[in-house]
PDB file of all heavy atoms in Angstrom:
ATOM      1  N   ILE A   1       0.858  -1.175  -0.016  1.00  0.00           N
ATOM      2  CA  ILE A   1       0.006   0.037   0.042  1.00  0.00           C
ATOM      3  C   ILE A   1       0.919   1.252   0.000  1.00  0.00           C
ATOM      4  O   ILE A   1       1.826   1.430   0.922  1.00  0.00           O
ATOM      5  CB  ILE A   1      -1.002   0.027   1.189  1.00  0.00           C
ATOM      6  CG1 ILE A   1      -1.848  -1.142   1.090  1.00  0.00           C
ATOM      7  CG2 ILE A   1      -1.688   1.337   1.253  1.00  0.00           C
ATOM      8  CD1 ILE A   1      -2.880  -1.336   2.314  1.00  0.00           C
ATOM      9  N   HIS A   2       0.572   2.086  -1.008  1.00  0.00           N
ATOM     10  CA  HIS A   2       1.517   3.281  -1.102  1.00  0.00           C
ATOM     11  C   HIS A   2       0.666   4.626  -1.038  1.00  0.00           C
ATOM     12  O   HIS A   2      -0.325   4.653  -1.442  1.00  0.00           O
ATOM     13  CB  HIS A   2       2.108   3.258  -2.524  1.00  0.00           C
ATOM     14  CG  HIS A   2       2.940   1.941  -2.733  1.00  0.00           C
ATOM     15  ND1 HIS A   2       4.075   1.688  -2.181  1.00  0.00           N
ATOM     16  CD2 HIS A   2       2.578   0.919  -3.447  1.00  0.00           C
ATOM     17  CE1 HIS A   2       4.546   0.580  -2.440  1.00  0.00           C
ATOM     18  NE2 HIS A   2       3.565  -0.058  -3.267  1.00  0.00           N
ATOM     19  N   PRO A   3       1.299   5.554  -0.463  1.00  0.00           N
ATOM     20  CA  PRO A   3       0.563   6.836  -0.312  1.00  0.00           C
ATOM     21  C   PRO A   3       0.586   7.571  -1.713  1.00  0.00           C
ATOM     22  O   PRO A   3       1.538   7.319  -2.565  1.00  0.00           O
ATOM     23  CB  PRO A   3       1.480   7.731   0.752  1.00  0.00           C
ATOM     24  CG  PRO A   3       2.812   7.009   0.627  1.00  0.00           C
ATOM     25  CD  PRO A   3       2.618   5.635   0.285  1.00  0.00           C
ATOM     26  N   THR A   4      -0.359   8.427  -1.853  1.00  0.00           N
ATOM     27  CA  THR A   4      -0.413   9.265  -3.151  1.00  0.00           C
ATOM     28  C   THR A   4      -0.211  10.713  -2.768  1.00  0.00           C
ATOM     29  O   THR A   4      -0.223  11.009  -1.488  1.00  0.00           O
ATOM     30  CB  THR A   4      -1.812   9.066  -3.688  1.00  0.00           C
ATOM     31  OG1 THR A   4      -2.685   9.603  -2.892  1.00  0.00           O
ATOM     32  CG2 THR A   4      -2.122   7.642  -4.017  1.00  0.00           C
ATOM     33  N   PRO A   5      -0.030  11.615  -3.736  1.00  0.00           N
ATOM     34  CA  PRO A   5       0.136  13.052  -3.378  1.00  0.00           C
ATOM     35  C   PRO A   5      -1.173  13.646  -2.735  1.00  0.00           C
ATOM     36  O   PRO A   5      -0.995  14.571  -1.988  1.00  0.00           O
ATOM     37  CB  PRO A   5       0.401  13.592  -4.818  1.00  0.00           C
ATOM     38  CG  PRO A   5       0.850  12.554  -5.614  1.00  0.00           C
ATOM     39  CD  PRO A   5       0.235  11.307  -5.127  1.00  0.00           C
ATOM     40  N   ALA A   6      -2.331  12.957  -2.856  1.00  0.00           N
ATOM     41  CA  ALA A   6      -3.464  13.424  -2.279  1.00  0.00           C
ATOM     42  C   ALA A   6      -3.500  13.052  -0.692  1.00  0.00           C
ATOM     43  O   ALA A   6      -3.229  11.910  -0.471  1.00  0.00           O
ATOM     44  CB  ALA A   6      -4.776  12.798  -2.939  1.00  0.00           C
ATOM     45  N   ALA A   7      -3.829  14.033   0.046  1.00  0.00           N
ATOM     46  CA  ALA A   7      -3.792  13.814   1.533  1.00  0.00           C
ATOM     47  C   ALA A   7      -4.734  12.724   1.820  1.00  0.00           C
ATOM     48  O   ALA A   7      -5.869  12.526   1.399  1.00  0.00           O
ATOM     49  CB  ALA A   7      -4.287  15.067   2.263  1.00  0.00           C
ATOM     50  N   GLU A   8      -4.278  11.792   2.756  1.00  0.00           N
ATOM     51  CA  GLU A   8      -5.035  10.694   3.272  1.00  0.00           C
ATOM     52  C   GLU A   8      -5.575   9.670   2.179  1.00  0.00           C
ATOM     53  O   GLU A   8      -6.683   9.092   2.370  1.00  0.00           O
ATOM     54  CB  GLU A   8      -6.144  11.210   4.194  1.00  0.00           C
ATOM     55  CG  GLU A   8      -5.579  11.949   5.408  1.00  0.00           C
ATOM     56  CD  GLU A   8      -6.645  12.441   6.430  1.00  0.00           C
ATOM     57  OE1 GLU A   8      -7.682  11.699   6.475  1.00  0.00           O
ATOM     58  OE2 GLU A   8      -6.406  13.296   7.134  1.00  0.00           O
ATOM     59  N   LEU A   9      -4.932   9.594   1.071  1.00  0.00           N
ATOM     60  CA  LEU A   9      -5.334   8.632  -0.040  1.00  0.00           C
ATOM     61  C   LEU A   9      -4.176   7.641  -0.263  1.00  0.00           C
ATOM     62  O   LEU A   9      -3.094   8.182  -0.732  1.00  0.00           O
ATOM     63  CB  LEU A   9      -5.868   9.377  -1.123  1.00  0.00           C
ATOM     64  CG  LEU A   9      -6.198   8.514  -2.349  1.00  0.00           C
ATOM     65  CD1 LEU A   9      -7.422   7.777  -2.057  1.00  0.00           C
ATOM     66  CD2 LEU A   9      -6.411   9.406  -3.626  1.00  0.00           C
ATOM     67  N   ASP A  10      -4.381   6.475   0.041  1.00  0.00           N
ATOM     68  CA  ASP A  10      -3.349   5.446  -0.403  1.00  0.00           C
ATOM     69  C   ASP A  10      -3.812   4.578  -1.482  1.00  0.00           C
ATOM     70  O   ASP A  10      -5.148   4.573  -1.799  1.00  0.00           O
ATOM     71  CB  ASP A  10      -3.122   4.583   0.855  1.00  0.00           C
ATOM     72  CG  ASP A  10      -2.519   5.227   2.051  1.00  0.00           C
ATOM     73  OD1 ASP A  10      -1.874   6.380   1.770  1.00  0.00           O
ATOM     74  OD2 ASP A  10      -2.653   4.908   3.173  1.00  0.00           O
ATOM     75  N   ILE A  11      -2.909   3.923  -2.174  1.00  0.00           N
ATOM     76  CA  ILE A  11      -3.353   3.022  -3.355  1.00  0.00           C
ATOM     77  C   ILE A  11      -2.675   1.647  -3.161  1.00  0.00           C
ATOM     78  O   ILE A  11      -1.640   1.521  -2.693  1.00  0.00           O
ATOM     79  CB  ILE A  11      -2.938   3.706  -4.628  1.00  0.00           C
ATOM     80  CG1 ILE A  11      -3.453   3.007  -5.819  1.00  0.00           C
ATOM     81  CG2 ILE A  11      -1.381   3.772  -4.758  1.00  0.00           C
ATOM     82  CD1 ILE A  11      -3.304   3.689  -7.077  1.00  0.00           C
ATOM     83  N   LEU A  12      -3.559   0.704  -3.572  1.00  0.00           N
ATOM     84  CA  LEU A  12      -3.035  -0.653  -3.690  1.00  0.00           C
ATOM     85  C   LEU A  12      -3.344  -1.094  -5.030  1.00  0.00           C
ATOM     86  O   LEU A  12      -4.401  -1.224  -5.498  1.00  0.00           O
ATOM     87  CB  LEU A  12      -3.930  -1.531  -2.661  1.00  0.00           C
ATOM     88  CG  LEU A  12      -3.784  -3.100  -2.818  1.00  0.00           C
ATOM     89  CD1 LEU A  12      -2.299  -3.533  -2.546  1.00  0.00           C
ATOM     90  CD2 LEU A  12      -4.784  -3.780  -1.865  1.00  0.00           C
ATOM     91  N   THR A  13      -2.264  -1.378  -5.830  1.00  0.00           N
ATOM     92  CA  THR A  13      -2.461  -1.821  -7.177  1.00  0.00           C
ATOM     93  C   THR A  13      -2.744  -3.249  -7.256  1.00  0.00           C
ATOM     94  O   THR A  13      -2.810  -3.988  -6.375  1.00  0.00           O
ATOM     95  CB  THR A  13      -1.159  -1.477  -8.025  1.00  0.00           C
ATOM     96  OG1 THR A  13      -0.014  -2.300  -7.358  1.00  0.00           O
ATOM     97  CG2 THR A  13      -0.776  -0.025  -7.980  1.00  0.00           C
ATOM     98  N   ALA A  14      -3.036  -3.746  -8.524  1.00  0.00           N
ATOM     99  CA  ALA A  14      -3.380  -5.095  -8.765  1.00  0.00           C
ATOM    100  C   ALA A  14      -2.265  -6.152  -8.480  1.00  0.00           C
ATOM    101  O   ALA A  14      -2.427  -7.207  -8.110  1.00  0.00           O
ATOM    102  CB  ALA A  14      -3.912  -5.308 -10.100  1.00  0.00           C
ATOM    103  N   GLY A  15      -0.970  -5.612  -8.838  1.00  0.00           N
ATOM    104  CA  GLY A  15      -0.046  -6.544  -8.676  1.00  0.00           C
ATOM    105  C   GLY A  15       0.212  -7.596  -9.995  1.00  0.00           C
ATOM    106  O   GLY A  15      -0.413  -7.296 -10.985  1.00  0.00           O
ATOM    107  N   ARG A  16       0.894  -8.622  -9.880  1.00  0.00           N
ATOM    108  CA  ARG A  16       1.126  -9.568 -11.085  1.00  0.00           C
ATOM    109  C   ARG A  16       0.100 -10.714 -10.848  1.00  0.00           C
ATOM    110  O   ARG A  16       0.115 -11.562  -9.952  1.00  0.00           O
ATOM    111  CB  ARG A  16       2.486 -10.141 -11.034  1.00  0.00           C
ATOM    112  CG  ARG A  16       2.938 -10.744 -12.388  1.00  0.00           C
ATOM    113  CD  ARG A  16       4.320 -11.344 -12.262  1.00  0.00           C
ATOM    114  NE  ARG A  16       4.170 -12.714 -11.817  1.00  0.00           N
ATOM    115  CZ  ARG A  16       4.412 -13.317 -10.755  1.00  0.00           C
ATOM    116  NH1 ARG A  16       4.960 -12.653  -9.758  1.00  0.00           N
ATOM    117  NH2 ARG A  16       4.251 -14.608 -10.577  1.00  0.00           N
ATOM    118  N   CYS A  17      -0.784 -10.789 -11.832  1.00  0.00           N
ATOM    119  CA  CYS A  17      -1.956 -11.759 -11.625  1.00  0.00           C
ATOM    120  C   CYS A  17      -1.506 -13.044 -12.317  1.00  0.00           C
ATOM    121  O   CYS A  17      -0.723 -13.045 -13.314  1.00  0.00           O
ATOM    122  CB  CYS A  17      -3.121 -11.215 -12.470  1.00  0.00           C
ATOM    123  SG  CYS A  17      -4.570 -12.360 -12.269  1.00  0.00           S
ATOM    124  N   ASP A  18      -1.919 -14.091 -11.701  1.00  0.00           N
ATOM    125  CA  ASP A  18      -1.503 -15.365 -12.273  1.00  0.00           C
ATOM    126  C   ASP A  18      -2.687 -16.342 -11.878  1.00  0.00           C
ATOM    127  O   ASP A  18      -3.697 -15.992 -11.250  1.00  0.00           O
ATOM    128  CB  ASP A  18      -0.148 -16.010 -11.800  1.00  0.00           C
ATOM    129  CG  ASP A  18      -0.198 -16.201 -10.293  1.00  0.00           C
ATOM    130  OD1 ASP A  18      -1.169 -16.101  -9.721  1.00  0.00           O
ATOM    131  OD2 ASP A  18       0.992 -16.537  -9.887  1.00  0.00           O
ATOM    132  N   ALA A  19      -2.570 -17.644 -12.322  1.00  0.00           N
ATOM    133  CA  ALA A  19      -3.772 -18.607 -12.088  1.00  0.00           C
ATOM    134  C   ALA A  19      -3.988 -18.879 -10.676  1.00  0.00           C
ATOM    135  O   ALA A  19      -5.113 -19.012 -10.187  1.00  0.00           O
ATOM    136  CB  ALA A  19      -3.456 -19.949 -12.755  1.00  0.00           C
ATOM    137  N   LEU A  20      -2.804 -18.840  -9.846  1.00  0.00           N
ATOM    138  CA  LEU A  20      -3.025 -19.012  -8.315  1.00  0.00           C
ATOM    139  C   LEU A  20      -3.831 -17.939  -7.754  1.00  0.00           C
ATOM    140  O   LEU A  20      -4.686 -18.136  -6.763  1.00  0.00           O
ATOM    141  CB  LEU A  20      -1.645 -19.258  -7.656  1.00  0.00           C
ATOM    142  CG  LEU A  20      -1.697 -19.442  -6.164  1.00  0.00           C
ATOM    143  CD1 LEU A  20      -2.484 -20.671  -5.811  1.00  0.00           C
ATOM    144  CD2 LEU A  20      -0.267 -19.651  -5.674  1.00  0.00           C
ATOM    145  N   ALA A  21      -3.423 -16.695  -8.078  1.00  0.00           N
ATOM    146  CA  ALA A  21      -4.204 -15.551  -7.520  1.00  0.00           C
ATOM    147  C   ALA A  21      -5.604 -15.590  -7.880  1.00  0.00           C
ATOM    148  O   ALA A  21      -6.534 -15.305  -6.991  1.00  0.00           O
ATOM    149  CB  ALA A  21      -3.498 -14.262  -7.941  1.00  0.00           C
ATOM    150  N   LEU A  22      -6.023 -15.960  -9.046  1.00  0.00           N
ATOM    151  CA  LEU A  22      -7.380 -16.069  -9.465  1.00  0.00           C
ATOM    152  C   LEU A  22      -8.073 -17.216  -8.637  1.00  0.00           C
ATOM    153  O   LEU A  22      -9.341 -17.088  -8.327  1.00  0.00           O
ATOM    154  CB  LEU A  22      -7.487 -16.275 -10.989  1.00  0.00           C
ATOM    155  CG  LEU A  22      -7.126 -15.081 -11.872  1.00  0.00           C
ATOM    156  CD1 LEU A  22      -7.243 -15.462 -13.275  1.00  0.00           C
ATOM    157  CD2 LEU A  22      -8.115 -13.893 -11.512  1.00  0.00           C
ATOM    158  N   GLN A  23      -7.357 -18.273  -8.442  1.00  0.00           N
ATOM    159  CA  GLN A  23      -7.944 -19.434  -7.704  1.00  0.00           C
ATOM    160  C   GLN A  23      -8.259 -19.027  -6.228  1.00  0.00           C
ATOM    161  O   GLN A  23      -9.397 -19.212  -5.748  1.00  0.00           O
ATOM    162  CB  GLN A  23      -7.061 -20.616  -7.765  1.00  0.00           C
ATOM    163  CG  GLN A  23      -7.487 -21.780  -7.038  1.00  0.00           C
ATOM    164  CD  GLN A  23      -6.567 -22.931  -6.908  1.00  0.00           C
ATOM    165  OE1 GLN A  23      -5.406 -22.797  -7.304  1.00  0.00           O
ATOM    166  NE2 GLN A  23      -6.959 -24.117  -6.520  1.00  0.00           N
ATOM    167  N   ILE A  24      -7.354 -18.280  -5.735  1.00  0.00           N
ATOM    168  CA  ILE A  24      -7.595 -17.856  -4.285  1.00  0.00           C
ATOM    169  C   ILE A  24      -8.612 -16.846  -4.322  1.00  0.00           C
ATOM    170  O   ILE A  24      -9.625 -16.724  -3.317  1.00  0.00           O
ATOM    171  CB  ILE A  24      -6.289 -17.218  -3.746  1.00  0.00           C
ATOM    172  CG1 ILE A  24      -5.309 -18.339  -3.588  1.00  0.00           C
ATOM    173  CG2 ILE A  24      -6.467 -16.505  -2.383  1.00  0.00           C
ATOM    174  CD1 ILE A  24      -3.808 -17.747  -3.259  1.00  0.00           C
ATOM    175  N   LEU A  25      -8.758 -15.945  -5.224  1.00  0.00           N
ATOM    176  CA  LEU A  25      -9.911 -14.948  -5.402  1.00  0.00           C
ATOM    177  C   LEU A  25     -11.202 -15.653  -5.533  1.00  0.00           C
ATOM    178  O   LEU A  25     -12.151 -15.232  -4.873  1.00  0.00           O
ATOM    179  CB  LEU A  25      -9.533 -14.135  -6.518  1.00  0.00           C
ATOM    180  CG  LEU A  25     -10.528 -12.930  -6.801  1.00  0.00           C
ATOM    181  CD1 LEU A  25     -10.614 -11.896  -5.706  1.00  0.00           C
ATOM    182  CD2 LEU A  25     -10.196 -12.160  -8.057  1.00  0.00           C
ATOM    183  N   ALA A  26     -11.238 -16.706  -6.259  1.00  0.00           N
ATOM    184  CA  ALA A  26     -12.522 -17.410  -6.517  1.00  0.00           C
ATOM    185  C   ALA A  26     -12.948 -18.189  -5.119  1.00  0.00           C
ATOM    186  O   ALA A  26     -14.101 -18.593  -4.983  1.00  0.00           O
ATOM    187  CB  ALA A  26     -12.315 -18.461  -7.548  1.00  0.00           C
ATOM    188  N   GLN A  27     -11.960 -18.371  -4.224  1.00  0.00           N
ATOM    189  CA  GLN A  27     -12.354 -18.995  -2.995  1.00  0.00           C
ATOM    190  C   GLN A  27     -12.593 -17.995  -1.841  1.00  0.00           C
ATOM    191  O   GLN A  27     -12.354 -18.284  -0.710  1.00  0.00           O
ATOM    192  CB  GLN A  27     -11.276 -19.971  -2.628  1.00  0.00           C
ATOM    193  CG  GLN A  27     -11.156 -21.113  -3.550  1.00  0.00           C
ATOM    194  CD  GLN A  27      -9.844 -21.925  -3.306  1.00  0.00           C
ATOM    195  OE1 GLN A  27      -9.013 -21.593  -2.513  1.00  0.00           O
ATOM    196  NE2 GLN A  27      -9.785 -22.975  -4.033  1.00  0.00           N
ATOM    197  N   ASP A  28     -13.107 -16.784  -2.258  1.00  0.00           N
ATOM    198  CA  ASP A  28     -13.285 -15.637  -1.268  1.00  0.00           C
ATOM    199  C   ASP A  28     -11.998 -15.237  -0.578  1.00  0.00           C
ATOM    200  O   ASP A  28     -12.061 -14.651   0.481  1.00  0.00           O
ATOM    201  CB  ASP A  28     -14.382 -16.122  -0.219  1.00  0.00           C
ATOM    202  CG  ASP A  28     -15.759 -15.951  -0.718  1.00  0.00           C
ATOM    203  OD1 ASP A  28     -15.992 -15.415  -1.864  1.00  0.00           O
ATOM    204  OD2 ASP A  28     -16.669 -16.325  -0.043  1.00  0.00           O
ATOM    205  N   GLY A  29     -10.801 -15.218  -1.223  1.00  0.00           N
ATOM    206  CA  GLY A  29      -9.629 -14.830  -0.658  1.00  0.00           C
ATOM    207  C   GLY A  29      -9.468 -13.395  -0.408  1.00  0.00           C
ATOM    208  O   GLY A  29      -8.712 -13.031   0.424  1.00  0.00           O
ATOM    209  N   ALA A  30     -10.246 -12.532  -1.144  1.00  0.00           N
ATOM    210  CA  ALA A  30     -10.135 -11.107  -0.937  1.00  0.00           C
ATOM    211  C   ALA A  30     -10.877 -10.666   0.302  1.00  0.00           C
ATOM    212  O   ALA A  30     -10.590  -9.574   0.799  1.00  0.00           O
ATOM    213  CB  ALA A  30     -10.562 -10.445  -2.161  1.00  0.00           C
ATOM    214  N   ARG A  31     -11.922 -11.400   0.686  1.00  0.00           N
ATOM    215  CA  ARG A  31     -12.791 -10.919   1.716  1.00  0.00           C
ATOM    216  C   ARG A  31     -11.919 -10.633   3.013  1.00  0.00           C
ATOM    217  O   ARG A  31     -12.127  -9.633   3.638  1.00  0.00           O
ATOM    218  CB  ARG A  31     -13.823 -11.924   2.010  1.00  0.00           C
ATOM    219  CG  ARG A  31     -14.853 -11.471   3.020  1.00  0.00           C
ATOM    220  CD  ARG A  31     -16.014 -12.466   3.092  1.00  0.00           C
ATOM    221  NE  ARG A  31     -16.485 -12.982   1.914  1.00  0.00           N
ATOM    222  CZ  ARG A  31     -17.563 -12.483   1.250  1.00  0.00           C
ATOM    223  NH1 ARG A  31     -18.076 -11.347   1.687  1.00  0.00           N
ATOM    224  NH2 ARG A  31     -17.881 -12.923   0.055  1.00  0.00           N
ATOM    225  N   GLY A  32     -11.054 -11.436   3.404  1.00  0.00           N
ATOM    226  CA  GLY A  32     -10.204 -11.190   4.608  1.00  0.00           C
ATOM    227  C   GLY A  32      -9.316 -10.049   4.353  1.00  0.00           C
ATOM    228  O   GLY A  32      -9.049  -9.339   5.338  1.00  0.00           O
ATOM    229  N   ILE A  33      -8.800  -9.892   3.242  1.00  0.00           N
ATOM    230  CA  ILE A  33      -7.991  -8.718   2.890  1.00  0.00           C
ATOM    231  C   ILE A  33      -8.762  -7.425   3.103  1.00  0.00           C
ATOM    232  O   ILE A  33      -8.338  -6.416   3.698  1.00  0.00           O
ATOM    233  CB  ILE A  33      -7.311  -8.682   1.646  1.00  0.00           C
ATOM    234  CG1 ILE A  33      -6.323  -9.874   1.516  1.00  0.00           C
ATOM    235  CG2 ILE A  33      -6.680  -7.480   1.109  1.00  0.00           C
ATOM    236  CD1 ILE A  33      -5.829 -10.247   0.216  1.00  0.00           C
ATOM    237  N   PHE A  34     -10.037  -7.425   2.542  1.00  0.00           N
ATOM    238  CA  PHE A  34     -10.889  -6.241   2.708  1.00  0.00           C
ATOM    239  C   PHE A  34     -11.308  -6.037   4.143  1.00  0.00           C
ATOM    240  O   PHE A  34     -11.343  -4.879   4.541  1.00  0.00           O
ATOM    241  CB  PHE A  34     -12.137  -6.420   1.768  1.00  0.00           C
ATOM    242  CG  PHE A  34     -11.836  -6.394   0.273  1.00  0.00           C
ATOM    243  CD1 PHE A  34     -12.505  -7.196  -0.544  1.00  0.00           C
ATOM    244  CD2 PHE A  34     -10.929  -5.408  -0.182  1.00  0.00           C
ATOM    245  CE1 PHE A  34     -12.363  -7.073  -1.932  1.00  0.00           C
ATOM    246  CE2 PHE A  34     -10.742  -5.417  -1.526  1.00  0.00           C
ATOM    247  CZ  PHE A  34     -11.476  -6.216  -2.404  1.00  0.00           C
ATOM    248  N   ASP A  35     -11.545  -7.045   4.848  1.00  0.00           N
ATOM    249  CA  ASP A  35     -11.956  -6.898   6.184  1.00  0.00           C
ATOM    250  C   ASP A  35     -10.704  -6.326   7.031  1.00  0.00           C
ATOM    251  O   ASP A  35     -10.998  -5.395   7.815  1.00  0.00           O
ATOM    252  CB  ASP A  35     -12.245  -8.210   6.902  1.00  0.00           C
ATOM    253  CG  ASP A  35     -13.657  -8.758   6.390  1.00  0.00           C
ATOM    254  OD1 ASP A  35     -14.304  -7.977   5.793  1.00  0.00           O
ATOM    255  OD2 ASP A  35     -13.932  -9.979   6.521  1.00  0.00           O
ATOM    256  N   ALA A  36      -9.501  -6.714   6.733  1.00  0.00           N
ATOM    257  CA  ALA A  36      -8.319  -6.185   7.509  1.00  0.00           C
ATOM    258  C   ALA A  36      -8.100  -4.660   7.083  1.00  0.00           C
ATOM    259  O   ALA A  36      -7.750  -3.898   7.951  1.00  0.00           O
ATOM    260  CB  ALA A  36      -7.153  -7.014   7.128  1.00  0.00           C
ATOM    261  N   LEU A  37      -8.241  -4.422   5.841  1.00  0.00           N
ATOM    262  CA  LEU A  37      -8.180  -2.994   5.317  1.00  0.00           C
ATOM    263  C   LEU A  37      -9.196  -2.001   5.991  1.00  0.00           C
ATOM    264  O   LEU A  37      -8.890  -0.854   6.222  1.00  0.00           O
ATOM    265  CB  LEU A  37      -8.075  -2.962   3.789  1.00  0.00           C
ATOM    266  CG  LEU A  37      -6.847  -3.587   3.163  1.00  0.00           C
ATOM    267  CD1 LEU A  37      -7.047  -3.446   1.614  1.00  0.00           C
ATOM    268  CD2 LEU A  37      -5.604  -2.864   3.625  1.00  0.00           C
ATOM    269  N   ALA A  38     -10.409  -2.515   6.085  1.00  0.00           N
ATOM    270  CA  ALA A  38     -11.473  -1.759   6.582  1.00  0.00           C
ATOM    271  C   ALA A  38     -11.162  -1.284   8.055  1.00  0.00           C
ATOM    272  O   ALA A  38     -11.786  -0.291   8.512  1.00  0.00           O
ATOM    273  CB  ALA A  38     -12.816  -2.507   6.618  1.00  0.00           C
ATOM    274  N   LYS A  39     -10.329  -2.001   8.768  1.00  0.00           N
ATOM    275  CA  LYS A  39     -10.040  -1.569  10.198  1.00  0.00           C
ATOM    276  C   LYS A  39      -9.147  -0.299  10.171  1.00  0.00           C
ATOM    277  O   LYS A  39      -9.226   0.401  11.065  1.00  0.00           O
ATOM    278  CB  LYS A  39      -9.368  -2.712  10.909  1.00  0.00           C
ATOM    279  CG  LYS A  39     -10.229  -3.880  11.073  1.00  0.00           C
ATOM    280  CD  LYS A  39      -9.395  -5.164  11.740  1.00  0.00           C
ATOM    281  CE  LYS A  39     -10.349  -6.234  11.841  1.00  0.00           C
ATOM    282  NZ  LYS A  39      -9.579  -7.523  12.388  1.00  0.00           N
ATOM    283  N   ASP A  40      -8.406  -0.113   9.023  1.00  0.00           N
ATOM    284  CA  ASP A  40      -7.485   0.922   8.934  1.00  0.00           C
ATOM    285  C   ASP A  40      -7.937   2.225   8.136  1.00  0.00           C
ATOM    286  O   ASP A  40      -7.322   3.277   8.204  1.00  0.00           O
ATOM    287  CB  ASP A  40      -6.080   0.493   8.439  1.00  0.00           C
ATOM    288  CG  ASP A  40      -5.491  -0.468   9.333  1.00  0.00           C
ATOM    289  OD1 ASP A  40      -5.537  -0.277  10.637  1.00  0.00           O
ATOM    290  OD2 ASP A  40      -4.682  -1.327   8.805  1.00  0.00           O
ATOM    291  N   TYR A  41      -8.989   1.972   7.340  1.00  0.00           N
ATOM    292  CA  TYR A  41      -9.474   3.034   6.398  1.00  0.00           C
ATOM    293  C   TYR A  41     -10.960   3.220   6.641  1.00  0.00           C
ATOM    294  O   TYR A  41     -11.657   2.294   6.829  1.00  0.00           O
ATOM    295  CB  TYR A  41      -9.203   2.419   4.932  1.00  0.00           C
ATOM    296  CG  TYR A  41      -7.686   2.516   4.555  1.00  0.00           C
ATOM    297  CD1 TYR A  41      -7.043   1.357   4.718  1.00  0.00           C
ATOM    298  CD2 TYR A  41      -7.092   3.664   4.290  1.00  0.00           C
ATOM    299  CE1 TYR A  41      -5.654   1.226   4.435  1.00  0.00           C
ATOM    300  CE2 TYR A  41      -5.705   3.636   3.840  1.00  0.00           C
ATOM    301  CZ  TYR A  41      -4.974   2.461   4.099  1.00  0.00           C
ATOM    302  OH  TYR A  41      -3.684   2.489   3.741  1.00  0.00           O
TER     303      TYR A  41
END
């Protein structure tokens, strides 16, 4: 997660996608990440 020039705005890019990332995403893998980020944002 990187800060941007805009105050209090951070960015998380997509990164390098592959079959494993899509498989994890299909198994609700992002939900835990979103829940963790929601505590800080």
